[in-house]
Amino acid sequence: MTRARLQDTFGTPGALSLVECQLETGRTHQIRVHMAYAGHGLIGDPVYGGKRKIAAKSLTPDAIAQVQSFGRQALHAATLGFEHPASGEMLQFQAPIPPDMTALIGKLASVS
């Protein structure tokens, strides 16, 4: 199961969204598959993102260019945790949003 919470939207309703996902399990490609199934493929995902076209009226031309030029999947794991297999200790790691994603979010917010 994947729990998703809307953080922000860009462009006309439904054009692009910033979503926080929390996984209840850790299946391979889980977020990508679940978001695609819900009709919200990730920017830059060549497998599950689909060939979804962004309507010209939904975002500015600059915003569309930013999305199309983003060089990878727009997916980031802010927190990862697991039980260490040998010690049984619960480990948790956190990482800030990478600069390229922060820049994409900022550009979308400023032009949409």
PDB file of N, CA and C in Angstrom:
ATOM      1  N   MET A   1       0.839  -1.174   0.000  1.00  0.00           N
ATOM      2  CA  MET A   1       0.000   0.000   0.000  1.00  0.00           C
ATOM      3  C   MET A   1       0.886   1.238   0.000  1.00  0.00           C
ATOM      4  N   THR A   2       0.444   2.244  -0.715  1.00  0.00           N
ATOM      5  CA  THR A   2       1.127   3.540  -0.751  1.00  0.00           C
ATOM      6  C   THR A   2       0.138   4.610  -0.326  1.00  0.00           C
ATOM      7  N   ARG A   3       0.503   5.383   0.653  1.00  0.00           N
ATOM      8  CA  ARG A   3      -0.327   6.524   1.065  1.00  0.00           C
ATOM      9  C   ARG A   3       0.252   7.764   0.395  1.00  0.00           C
ATOM     10  N   ALA A   4      -0.612   8.544  -0.245  1.00  0.00           N
ATOM     11  CA  ALA A   4      -0.154   9.745  -0.953  1.00  0.00           C
ATOM     12  C   ALA A   4      -0.863  10.965  -0.398  1.00  0.00           C
ATOM     13  N   ARG A   5      -0.098  12.055  -0.255  1.00  0.00           N
ATOM     14  CA  ARG A   5      -0.664  13.309   0.247  1.00  0.00           C
ATOM     15  C   ARG A   5      -0.207  14.436  -0.674  1.00  0.00           C
ATOM     16  N   LEU A   6      -1.162  15.187  -1.176  1.00  0.00           N
ATOM     17  CA  LEU A   6      -0.886  16.314  -2.060  1.00  0.00           C
ATOM     18  C   LEU A   6      -0.190  17.424  -1.287  1.00  0.00           C
ATOM     19  N   GLN A   7       0.955  17.880  -1.832  1.00  0.00           N
ATOM     20  CA  GLN A   7       1.714  18.963  -1.211  1.00  0.00           C
ATOM     21  C   GLN A   7       1.516  20.291  -1.937  1.00  0.00           C
ATOM     22  N   ASP A   8       1.426  20.243  -3.278  1.00  0.00           N
ATOM     23  CA  ASP A   8       1.302  21.460  -4.075  1.00  0.00           C
ATOM     24  C   ASP A   8       0.842  21.074  -5.475  1.00  0.00           C
ATOM     25  N   THR A   9       0.304  22.040  -6.199  1.00  0.00           N
ATOM     26  CA  THR A   9      -0.069  21.820  -7.597  1.00  0.00           C
ATOM     27  C   THR A   9       0.542  22.929  -8.446  1.00  0.00           C
ATOM     28  N   PHE A  10       0.736  22.610  -9.723  1.00  0.00           N
ATOM     29  CA  PHE A  10       1.323  23.555 -10.661  1.00  0.00           C
ATOM     30  C   PHE A  10       0.474  23.569 -11.923  1.00  0.00           C
ATOM     31  N   GLY A  11       0.206  24.745 -12.440  1.00  0.00           N
ATOM     32  CA  GLY A  11      -0.614  24.862 -13.640  1.00  0.00           C
ATOM     33  C   GLY A  11      -2.083  24.694 -13.308  1.00  0.00           C
ATOM     34  N   THR A  12      -2.863  24.409 -14.329  1.00  0.00           N
ATOM     35  CA  THR A  12      -4.291  24.203 -14.107  1.00  0.00           C
ATOM     36  C   THR A  12      -4.483  22.937 -13.281  1.00  0.00           C
ATOM     37  N   PRO A  13      -5.604  22.828 -12.568  1.00  0.00           N
ATOM     38  CA  PRO A  13      -5.823  21.633 -11.735  1.00  0.00           C
ATOM     39  C   PRO A  13      -5.596  20.340 -12.519  1.00  0.00           C
ATOM     40  N   GLY A  14      -4.802  19.473 -11.933  1.00  0.00           N
ATOM     41  CA  GLY A  14      -4.521  18.193 -12.551  1.00  0.00           C
ATOM     42  C   GLY A  14      -3.327  18.183 -13.487  1.00  0.00           C
ATOM     43  N   ALA A  15      -2.725  19.350 -13.759  1.00  0.00           N
ATOM     44  CA  ALA A  15      -1.579  19.386 -14.686  1.00  0.00           C
ATOM     45  C   ALA A  15      -0.378  18.672 -14.061  1.00  0.00           C
ATOM     46  N   LEU A  16       0.145  19.207 -12.975  1.00  0.00           N
ATOM     47  CA  LEU A  16       1.266  18.601 -12.253  1.00  0.00           C
ATOM     48  C   LEU A  16       1.047  18.781 -10.760  1.00  0.00           C
ATOM     49  N   SER A  17       1.507  17.812  -9.991  1.00  0.00           N
ATOM     50  CA  SER A  17       1.359  17.879  -8.539  1.00  0.00           C
ATOM     51  C   SER A  17       2.633  17.420  -7.862  1.00  0.00           C
ATOM     52  N   LEU A  18       2.897  18.001  -6.704  1.00  0.00           N
ATOM     53  CA  LEU A  18       3.964  17.548  -5.829  1.00  0.00           C
ATOM     54  C   LEU A  18       3.286  16.697  -4.760  1.00  0.00           C
ATOM     55  N   VAL A  19       3.695  15.448  -4.654  1.00  0.00           N
ATOM     56  CA  VAL A  19       3.020  14.502  -3.779  1.00  0.00           C
ATOM     57  C   VAL A  19       4.028  13.870  -2.829  1.00  0.00           C
ATOM     58  N   GLU A  20       3.631  13.720  -1.574  1.00  0.00           N
ATOM     59  CA  GLU A  20       4.430  12.989  -0.597  1.00  0.00           C
ATOM     60  C   GLU A  20       3.815  11.601  -0.473  1.00  0.00           C
ATOM     61  N   CYS A  21       4.637  10.576  -0.643  1.00  0.00           N
ATOM     62  CA  CYS A  21       4.153   9.201  -0.549  1.00  0.00           C
ATOM     63  C   CYS A  21       4.799   8.506   0.642  1.00  0.00           C
ATOM     64  N   GLN A  22       4.004   7.680   1.303  1.00  0.00           N
ATOM     65  CA  GLN A  22       4.516   6.868   2.396  1.00  0.00           C
ATOM     66  C   GLN A  22       4.180   5.421   2.072  1.00  0.00           C
ATOM     67  N   LEU A  23       5.216   4.589   2.048  1.00  0.00           N
ATOM     68  CA  LEU A  23       5.031   3.181   1.712  1.00  0.00           C
ATOM     69  C   LEU A  23       4.750   2.364   2.960  1.00  0.00           C
ATOM     70  N   GLU A  24       3.790   1.473   2.844  1.00  0.00           N
ATOM     71  CA  GLU A  24       3.501   0.539   3.926  1.00  0.00           C
ATOM     72  C   GLU A  24       4.281  -0.752   3.717  1.00  0.00           C
ATOM     73  N   THR A  25       4.665  -1.009   2.483  1.00  0.00           N
ATOM     74  CA  THR A  25       5.507  -2.148   2.145  1.00  0.00           C
ATOM     75  C   THR A  25       6.647  -1.596   1.302  1.00  0.00           C
ATOM     76  N   GLY A  26       7.543  -2.428   0.880  1.00  0.00           N
ATOM     77  CA  GLY A  26       8.686  -1.947   0.113  1.00  0.00           C
ATOM     78  C   GLY A  26       8.861  -2.682  -1.195  1.00  0.00           C
ATOM     79  N   ARG A  27       7.838  -2.780  -1.977  1.00  0.00           N
ATOM     80  CA  ARG A  27       7.904  -3.498  -3.238  1.00  0.00           C
ATOM     81  C   ARG A  27       8.668  -2.692  -4.295  1.00  0.00           C
ATOM     82  N   THR A  28       9.328  -3.390  -5.188  1.00  0.00           N
ATOM     83  CA  THR A  28      10.080  -2.756  -6.262  1.00  0.00           C
ATOM     84  C   THR A  28       9.164  -1.901  -7.132  1.00  0.00           C
ATOM     85  N   HIS A  29       9.559  -0.674  -7.382  1.00  0.00           N
ATOM     86  CA  HIS A  29       8.838   0.272  -8.245  1.00  0.00           C
ATOM     87  C   HIS A  29       7.469   0.654  -7.688  1.00  0.00           C
ATOM     88  N   GLN A  30       7.228   0.406  -6.428  1.00  0.00           N
ATOM     89  CA  GLN A  30       5.890   0.572  -5.850  1.00  0.00           C
ATOM     90  C   GLN A  30       5.291   1.956  -6.081  1.00  0.00           C
ATOM     91  N   ILE A  31       6.015   3.007  -5.757  1.00  0.00           N
ATOM     92  CA  ILE A  31       5.472   4.359  -5.932  1.00  0.00           C
ATOM     93  C   ILE A  31       5.197   4.617  -7.403  1.00  0.00           C
ATOM     94  N   ARG A  32       6.124   4.252  -8.253  1.00  0.00           N
ATOM     95  CA  ARG A  32       5.965   4.486  -9.682  1.00  0.00           C
ATOM     96  C   ARG A  32       4.744   3.761 -10.234  1.00  0.00           C
ATOM     97  N   VAL A  33       4.562   2.519  -9.843  1.00  0.00           N
ATOM     98  CA  VAL A  33       3.426   1.724 -10.325  1.00  0.00           C
ATOM     99  C   VAL A  33       2.112   2.281  -9.776  1.00  0.00           C
ATOM    100  N   HIS A  34       2.061   2.551  -8.490  1.00  0.00           N
ATOM    101  CA  HIS A  34       0.812   3.031  -7.886  1.00  0.00           C
ATOM    102  C   HIS A  34       0.407   4.401  -8.424  1.00  0.00           C
ATOM    103  N   MET A  35       1.365   5.301  -8.589  1.00  0.00           N
ATOM    104  CA  MET A  35       1.033   6.624  -9.111  1.00  0.00           C
ATOM    105  C   MET A  35       0.597   6.530 -10.576  1.00  0.00           C
ATOM    106  N   ALA A  36       1.246   5.689 -11.358  1.00  0.00           N
ATOM    107  CA  ALA A  36       0.851   5.513 -12.759  1.00  0.00           C
ATOM    108  C   ALA A  36      -0.555   4.925 -12.844  1.00  0.00           C
ATOM    109  N   TYR A  37      -0.850   3.954 -11.989  1.00  0.00           N
ATOM    110  CA  TYR A  37      -2.179   3.333 -11.977  1.00  0.00           C
ATOM    111  C   TYR A  37      -3.257   4.372 -11.671  1.00  0.00           C
ATOM    112  N   ALA A  38      -2.924   5.325 -10.809  1.00  0.00           N
ATOM    113  CA  ALA A  38      -3.874   6.379 -10.445  1.00  0.00           C
ATOM    114  C   ALA A  38      -3.928   7.485 -11.501  1.00  0.00           C
ATOM    115  N   GLY A  39      -3.128   7.342 -12.573  1.00  0.00           N
ATOM    116  CA  GLY A  39      -3.140   8.329 -13.650  1.00  0.00           C
ATOM    117  C   GLY A  39      -2.194   9.485 -13.434  1.00  0.00           C
ATOM    118  N   HIS A  40      -1.202   9.297 -12.546  1.00  0.00           N
ATOM    119  CA  HIS A  40      -0.265  10.362 -12.207  1.00  0.00           C
ATOM    120  C   HIS A  40       1.174   9.873 -12.320  1.00  0.00           C
ATOM    121  N   GLY A  41       1.589   9.512 -13.535  1.00  0.00           N
ATOM    122  CA  GLY A  41       2.945   9.040 -13.749  1.00  0.00           C
ATOM    123  C   GLY A  41       3.969  10.099 -13.380  1.00  0.00           C
ATOM    124  N   LEU A  42       5.140   9.648 -12.963  1.00  0.00           N
ATOM    125  CA  LEU A  42       6.199  10.557 -12.539  1.00  0.00           C
ATOM    126  C   LEU A  42       6.877  11.225 -13.730  1.00  0.00           C
ATOM    127  N   ILE A  43       7.250  12.477 -13.536  1.00  0.00           N
ATOM    128  CA  ILE A  43       8.057  13.181 -14.534  1.00  0.00           C
ATOM    129  C   ILE A  43       9.339  12.375 -14.723  1.00  0.00           C
ATOM    130  N   GLY A  44       9.698  12.138 -15.977  1.00  0.00           N
ATOM    131  CA  GLY A  44      10.954  11.477 -16.296  1.00  0.00           C
ATOM    132  C   GLY A  44      10.966   9.971 -16.151  1.00  0.00           C
ATOM    133  N   ASP A  45       9.843   9.339 -15.869  1.00  0.00           N
ATOM    134  CA  ASP A  45       9.796   7.887 -15.711  1.00  0.00           C
ATOM    135  C   ASP A  45       9.515   7.243 -17.068  1.00  0.00           C
ATOM    136  N   PRO A  46      10.534   6.639 -17.697  1.00  0.00           N
ATOM    137  CA  PRO A  46      10.343   6.083 -19.036  1.00  0.00           C
ATOM    138  C   PRO A  46       9.518   4.802 -19.063  1.00  0.00           C
ATOM    139  N   VAL A  47       9.393   4.121 -17.925  1.00  0.00           N
ATOM    140  CA  VAL A  47       8.681   2.846 -17.891  1.00  0.00           C
ATOM    141  C   VAL A  47       7.214   3.028 -17.508  1.00  0.00           C
ATOM    142  N   TYR A  48       6.953   3.683 -16.388  1.00  0.00           N
ATOM    143  CA  TYR A  48       5.589   3.816 -15.885  1.00  0.00           C
ATOM    144  C   TYR A  48       5.003   5.207 -16.091  1.00  0.00           C
ATOM    145  N   GLY A  49       5.847   6.153 -16.474  1.00  0.00           N
ATOM    146  CA  GLY A  49       5.382   7.523 -16.630  1.00  0.00           C
ATOM    147  C   GLY A  49       4.463   7.716 -17.817  1.00  0.00           C
ATOM    148  N   GLY A  50       4.527   6.814 -18.751  1.00  0.00           N
ATOM    149  CA  GLY A  50       3.671   6.888 -19.923  1.00  0.00           C
ATOM    150  C   GLY A  50       4.095   7.999 -20.863  1.00  0.00           C
ATOM    151  N   LYS A  51       3.395   8.111 -21.913  1.00  0.00           N
ATOM    152  CA  LYS A  51       3.659   9.139 -22.927  1.00  0.00           C
ATOM    153  C   LYS A  51       2.687  10.305 -22.739  1.00  0.00           C
ATOM    154  N   ARG A  52       2.295  10.530 -21.511  1.00  0.00           N
ATOM    155  CA  ARG A  52       1.316  11.555 -21.202  1.00  0.00           C
ATOM    156  C   ARG A  52       1.752  12.908 -21.742  1.00  0.00           C
ATOM    157  N   LYS A  53       0.891  13.521 -22.496  1.00  0.00           N
ATOM    158  CA  LYS A  53       1.149  14.855 -23.029  1.00  0.00           C
ATOM    159  C   LYS A  53       0.565  15.875 -22.057  1.00  0.00           C
ATOM    160  N   ILE A  54       1.307  16.925 -21.818  1.00  0.00           N
ATOM    161  CA  ILE A  54       0.823  18.010 -20.979  1.00  0.00           C
ATOM    162  C   ILE A  54       0.108  18.998 -21.891  1.00  0.00           C
ATOM    163  N   ALA A  55      -1.146  19.247 -21.602  1.00  0.00           N
ATOM    164  CA  ALA A  55      -1.918  20.171 -22.433  1.00  0.00           C
ATOM    165  C   ALA A  55      -1.254  21.538 -22.433  1.00  0.00           C
ATOM    166  N   ALA A  56      -1.139  22.134 -23.616  1.00  0.00           N
ATOM    167  CA  ALA A  56      -0.472  23.430 -23.754  1.00  0.00           C
ATOM    168  C   ALA A  56      -1.106  24.497 -22.878  1.00  0.00           C
ATOM    169  N   LYS A  57      -2.393  24.391 -22.628  1.00  0.00           N
ATOM    170  CA  LYS A  57      -3.087  25.397 -21.823  1.00  0.00           C
ATOM    171  C   LYS A  57      -2.913  25.177 -20.322  1.00  0.00           C
ATOM    172  N   SER A  58      -2.394  24.017 -19.912  1.00  0.00           N
ATOM    173  CA  SER A  58      -2.322  23.702 -18.490  1.00  0.00           C
ATOM    174  C   SER A  58      -1.106  24.313 -17.798  1.00  0.00           C
ATOM    175  N   LEU A  59      -0.031  24.558 -18.555  1.00  0.00           N
ATOM    176  CA  LEU A  59       1.192  25.149 -18.010  1.00  0.00           C
ATOM    177  C   LEU A  59       1.731  26.154 -19.012  1.00  0.00           C
ATOM    178  N   THR A  60       2.589  27.022 -18.539  1.00  0.00           N
ATOM    179  CA  THR A  60       3.241  27.960 -19.454  1.00  0.00           C
ATOM    180  C   THR A  60       4.243  27.191 -20.317  1.00  0.00           C
ATOM    181  N   PRO A  61       4.616  27.740 -21.474  1.00  0.00           N
ATOM    182  CA  PRO A  61       5.634  27.077 -22.300  1.00  0.00           C
ATOM    183  C   PRO A  61       6.942  26.853 -21.544  1.00  0.00           C
ATOM    184  N   ASP A  62       7.329  27.796 -20.678  1.00  0.00           N
ATOM    185  CA  ASP A  62       8.562  27.636 -19.906  1.00  0.00           C
ATOM    186  C   ASP A  62       8.445  26.461 -18.933  1.00  0.00           C
ATOM    187  N   ALA A  63       7.289  26.316 -18.297  1.00  0.00           N
ATOM    188  CA  ALA A  63       7.082  25.202 -17.361  1.00  0.00           C
ATOM    189  C   ALA A  63       7.123  23.874 -18.101  1.00  0.00           C
ATOM    190  N   ILE A  64       6.497  23.806 -19.270  1.00  0.00           N
ATOM    191  CA  ILE A  64       6.525  22.573 -20.067  1.00  0.00           C
ATOM    192  C   ILE A  64       7.958  22.238 -20.454  1.00  0.00           C
ATOM    193  N   ALA A  65       8.734  23.240 -20.834  1.00  0.00           N
ATOM    194  CA  ALA A  65      10.139  23.018 -21.194  1.00  0.00           C
ATOM    195  C   ALA A  65      10.927  22.490 -19.991  1.00  0.00           C
ATOM    196  N   GLN A  66      10.661  23.006 -18.801  1.00  0.00           N
ATOM    197  CA  GLN A  66      11.354  22.547 -17.592  1.00  0.00           C
ATOM    198  C   GLN A  66      11.069  21.066 -17.341  1.00  0.00           C
ATOM    199  N   VAL A  67       9.819  20.678 -17.496  1.00  0.00           N
ATOM    200  CA  VAL A  67       9.427  19.284 -17.281  1.00  0.00           C
ATOM    201  C   VAL A  67      10.102  18.386 -18.313  1.00  0.00           C
ATOM    202  N   GLN A  68      10.048  18.782 -19.565  1.00  0.00           N
ATOM    203  CA  GLN A  68      10.604  17.961 -20.633  1.00  0.00           C
ATOM    204  C   GLN A  68      12.120  17.839 -20.558  1.00  0.00           C
ATOM    205  N   SER A  69      12.779  18.812 -19.971  1.00  0.00           N
ATOM    206  CA  SER A  69      14.247  18.777 -19.902  1.00  0.00           C
ATOM    207  C   SER A  69      14.770  18.152 -18.607  1.00  0.00           C
ATOM    208  N   PHE A  70      13.878  17.788 -17.684  1.00  0.00           N
ATOM    209  CA  PHE A  70      14.333  17.175 -16.438  1.00  0.00           C
ATOM    210  C   PHE A  70      14.937  15.818 -16.785  1.00  0.00           C
ATOM    211  N   GLY A  71      16.189  15.598 -16.416  1.00  0.00           N
ATOM    212  CA  GLY A  71      16.958  14.471 -16.916  1.00  0.00           C
ATOM    213  C   GLY A  71      16.816  13.144 -16.201  1.00  0.00           C
ATOM    214  N   ARG A  72      15.853  13.007 -15.312  1.00  0.00           N
ATOM    215  CA  ARG A  72      15.705  11.743 -14.581  1.00  0.00           C
ATOM    216  C   ARG A  72      14.297  11.660 -14.002  1.00  0.00           C
ATOM    217  N   GLN A  73      14.033  10.582 -13.274  1.00  0.00           N
ATOM    218  CA  GLN A  73      12.742  10.465 -12.609  1.00  0.00           C
ATOM    219  C   GLN A  73      12.646  11.495 -11.487  1.00  0.00           C
ATOM    220  N   ALA A  74      11.522  12.156 -11.401  1.00  0.00           N
ATOM    221  CA  ALA A  74      11.307  13.126 -10.328  1.00  0.00           C
ATOM    222  C   ALA A  74      10.804  12.367  -9.094  1.00  0.00           C
ATOM    223  N   LEU A  75      11.729  11.647  -8.482  1.00  0.00           N
ATOM    224  CA  LEU A  75      11.412  10.800  -7.333  1.00  0.00           C
ATOM    225  C   LEU A  75      12.570  10.887  -6.352  1.00  0.00           C
ATOM    226  N   HIS A  76      12.240  11.086  -5.083  1.00  0.00           N
ATOM    227  CA  HIS A  76      13.278  11.216  -4.063  1.00  0.00           C
ATOM    228  C   HIS A  76      12.819  10.538  -2.780  1.00  0.00           C
ATOM    229  N   ALA A  77      13.698   9.761  -2.170  1.00  0.00           N
ATOM    230  CA  ALA A  77      13.427   9.133  -0.881  1.00  0.00           C
ATOM    231  C   ALA A  77      13.982  10.032   0.215  1.00  0.00           C
ATOM    232  N   ALA A  78      13.098  10.740   0.896  1.00  0.00           N
ATOM    233  CA  ALA A  78      13.522  11.641   1.971  1.00  0.00           C
ATOM    234  C   ALA A  78      13.950  10.863   3.206  1.00  0.00           C
ATOM    235  N   THR A  79      13.258   9.753   3.485  1.00  0.00           N
ATOM    236  CA  THR A  79      13.558   8.937   4.653  1.00  0.00           C
ATOM    237  C   THR A  79      13.501   7.461   4.271  1.00  0.00           C
ATOM    238  N   LEU A  80      14.517   6.737   4.644  1.00  0.00           N
ATOM    239  CA  LEU A  80      14.546   5.283   4.463  1.00  0.00           C
ATOM    240  C   LEU A  80      14.842   4.654   5.815  1.00  0.00           C
ATOM    241  N   GLY A  81      14.142   3.576   6.121  1.00  0.00           N
ATOM    242  CA  GLY A  81      14.394   2.879   7.371  1.00  0.00           C
ATOM    243  C   GLY A  81      14.222   1.384   7.207  1.00  0.00           C
ATOM    244  N   PHE A  82      14.997   0.634   7.976  1.00  0.00           N
ATOM    245  CA  PHE A  82      14.891  -0.823   7.938  1.00  0.00           C
ATOM    246  C   PHE A  82      15.560  -1.411   9.176  1.00  0.00           C
ATOM    247  N   GLU A  83      15.241  -2.645   9.432  1.00  0.00           N
ATOM    248  CA  GLU A  83      15.867  -3.359  10.536  1.00  0.00           C
ATOM    249  C   GLU A  83      17.142  -4.014  10.024  1.00  0.00           C
ATOM    250  N   HIS A  84      18.248  -3.761  10.717  1.00  0.00           N
ATOM    251  CA  HIS A  84      19.523  -4.349  10.312  1.00  0.00           C
ATOM    252  C   HIS A  84      19.410  -5.865  10.408  1.00  0.00           C
ATOM    253  N   PRO A  85      19.795  -6.584   9.343  1.00  0.00           N
ATOM    254  CA  PRO A  85      19.583  -8.034   9.325  1.00  0.00           C
ATOM    255  C   PRO A  85      20.405  -8.814  10.365  1.00  0.00           C
ATOM    256  N   ALA A  86      21.551  -8.307  10.757  1.00  0.00           N
ATOM    257  CA  ALA A  86      22.388  -9.033  11.719  1.00  0.00           C
ATOM    258  C   ALA A  86      22.111  -8.603  13.158  1.00  0.00           C
ATOM    259  N   SER A  87      22.041  -7.289  13.386  1.00  0.00           N
ATOM    260  CA  SER A  87      21.916  -6.798  14.760  1.00  0.00           C
ATOM    261  C   SER A  87      20.471  -6.615  15.209  1.00  0.00           C
ATOM    262  N   GLY A  88      19.558  -6.500  14.256  1.00  0.00           N
ATOM    263  CA  GLY A  88      18.160  -6.247  14.601  1.00  0.00           C
ATOM    264  C   GLY A  88      17.887  -4.790  14.925  1.00  0.00           C
ATOM    265  N   GLU A  89      18.948  -3.959  14.888  1.00  0.00           N
ATOM    266  CA  GLU A  89      18.794  -2.534  15.183  1.00  0.00           C
ATOM    267  C   GLU A  89      17.975  -1.854  14.078  1.00  0.00           C
ATOM    268  N   MET A  90      17.068  -0.967  14.487  1.00  0.00           N
ATOM    269  CA  MET A  90      16.288  -0.203  13.512  1.00  0.00           C
ATOM    270  C   MET A  90      17.138   0.973  13.056  1.00  0.00           C
ATOM    271  N   LEU A  91      17.383   1.047  11.761  1.00  0.00           N
ATOM    272  CA  LEU A  91      18.193   2.112  11.182  1.00  0.00           C
ATOM    273  C   LEU A  91      17.300   3.028  10.363  1.00  0.00           C
ATOM    274  N   GLN A  92      17.601   4.317  10.405  1.00  0.00           N
ATOM    275  CA  GLN A  92      16.826   5.286   9.632  1.00  0.00           C
ATOM    276  C   GLN A  92      17.784   6.335   9.072  1.00  0.00           C
ATOM    277  N   PHE A  93      17.566   6.671   7.795  1.00  0.00           N
ATOM    278  CA  PHE A  93      18.410   7.632   7.108  1.00  0.00           C
ATOM    279  C   PHE A  93      17.533   8.689   6.456  1.00  0.00           C
ATOM    280  N   GLN A  94      17.993   9.936   6.486  1.00  0.00           N
ATOM    281  CA  GLN A  94      17.249  11.031   5.872  1.00  0.00           C
ATOM    282  C   GLN A  94      18.162  11.787   4.919  1.00  0.00           C
ATOM    283  N   ALA A  95      17.544  12.331   3.857  1.00  0.00           N
ATOM    284  CA  ALA A  95      18.296  13.109   2.880  1.00  0.00           C
ATOM    285  C   ALA A  95      17.411  14.239   2.368  1.00  0.00           C
ATOM    286  N   PRO A  96      17.974  15.433   2.208  1.00  0.00           N
ATOM    287  CA  PRO A  96      17.187  16.541   1.674  1.00  0.00           C
ATOM    288  C   PRO A  96      16.886  16.332   0.192  1.00  0.00           C
ATOM    289  N   ILE A  97      15.903  17.055  -0.298  1.00  0.00           N
ATOM    290  CA  ILE A  97      15.584  16.999  -1.715  1.00  0.00           C
ATOM    291  C   ILE A  97      16.811  17.472  -2.493  1.00  0.00           C
ATOM    292  N   PRO A  98      17.226  16.741  -3.520  1.00  0.00           N
ATOM    293  CA  PRO A  98      18.415  17.129  -4.286  1.00  0.00           C
ATOM    294  C   PRO A  98      18.226  18.475  -4.986  1.00  0.00           C
ATOM    295  N   PRO A  99      19.328  19.165  -5.249  1.00  0.00           N
ATOM    296  CA  PRO A  99      19.247  20.489  -5.873  1.00  0.00           C
ATOM    297  C   PRO A  99      18.488  20.526  -7.205  1.00  0.00           C
ATOM    298  N   ASP A 100      18.632  19.481  -8.042  1.00  0.00           N
ATOM    299  CA  ASP A 100      17.930  19.519  -9.326  1.00  0.00           C
ATOM    300  C   ASP A 100      16.412  19.462  -9.149  1.00  0.00           C
ATOM    301  N   MET A 101      15.956  18.695  -8.157  1.00  0.00           N
ATOM    302  CA  MET A 101      14.508  18.636  -7.909  1.00  0.00           C
ATOM    303  C   MET A 101      14.013  19.924  -7.245  1.00  0.00           C
ATOM    304  N   THR A 102      14.808  20.470  -6.342  1.00  0.00           N
ATOM    305  CA  THR A 102      14.445  21.738  -5.711  1.00  0.00           C
ATOM    306  C   THR A 102      14.315  22.822  -6.773  1.00  0.00           C
ATOM    307  N   ALA A 103      15.250  22.823  -7.725  1.00  0.00           N
ATOM    308  CA  ALA A 103      15.202  23.809  -8.816  1.00  0.00           C
ATOM    309  C   ALA A 103      13.962  23.597  -9.688  1.00  0.00           C
ATOM    310  N   LEU A 104      13.636  22.347 -10.017  1.00  0.00           N
ATOM    311  CA  LEU A 104      12.449  22.060 -10.820  1.00  0.00           C
ATOM    312  C   LEU A 104      11.191  22.543 -10.117  1.00  0.00           C
ATOM    313  N   ILE A 105      11.050  22.231  -8.850  1.00  0.00           N
ATOM    314  CA  ILE A 105       9.876  22.655  -8.076  1.00  0.00           C
ATOM    315  C   ILE A 105       9.800  24.179  -8.057  1.00  0.00           C
ATOM    316  N   GLY A 106      10.929  24.837  -7.817  1.00  0.00           N
ATOM    317  CA  GLY A 106      10.947  26.295  -7.789  1.00  0.00           C
ATOM    318  C   GLY A 106      10.560  26.915  -9.128  1.00  0.00           C
ATOM    319  N   LYS A 107      11.076  26.336 -10.213  1.00  0.00           N
ATOM    320  CA  LYS A 107      10.758  26.863 -11.537  1.00  0.00           C
ATOM    321  C   LYS A 107       9.292  26.648 -11.871  1.00  0.00           C
ATOM    322  N   LEU A 108       8.753  25.476 -11.531  1.00  0.00           N
ATOM    323  CA  LEU A 108       7.336  25.228 -11.798  1.00  0.00           C
ATOM    324  C   LEU A 108       6.463  26.182 -10.994  1.00  0.00           C
ATOM    325  N   ALA A 109       6.842  26.422  -9.746  1.00  0.00           N
ATOM    326  CA  ALA A 109       6.059  27.331  -8.906  1.00  0.00           C
ATOM    327  C   ALA A 109       6.101  28.755  -9.434  1.00  0.00           C
ATOM    328  N   SER A 110       7.223  29.139 -10.024  1.00  0.00           N
ATOM    329  CA  SER A 110       7.353  30.531 -10.469  1.00  0.00           C
ATOM    330  C   SER A 110       6.729  30.805 -11.832  1.00  0.00           C
ATOM    331  N   VAL A 111       6.527  29.768 -12.648  1.00  0.00           N
ATOM    332  CA  VAL A 111       6.004  30.004 -13.994  1.00  0.00           C
ATOM    333  C   VAL A 111       4.589  29.465 -14.198  1.00  0.00           C
ATOM    334  N   SER A 112       4.039  28.821 -13.212  1.00  0.00           N
ATOM    335  CA  SER A 112       2.701  28.268 -13.421  1.00  0.00           C
ATOM    336  C   SER A 112       1.648  29.082 -12.715  1.00  0.00           C
TER     337      SER A 112
END
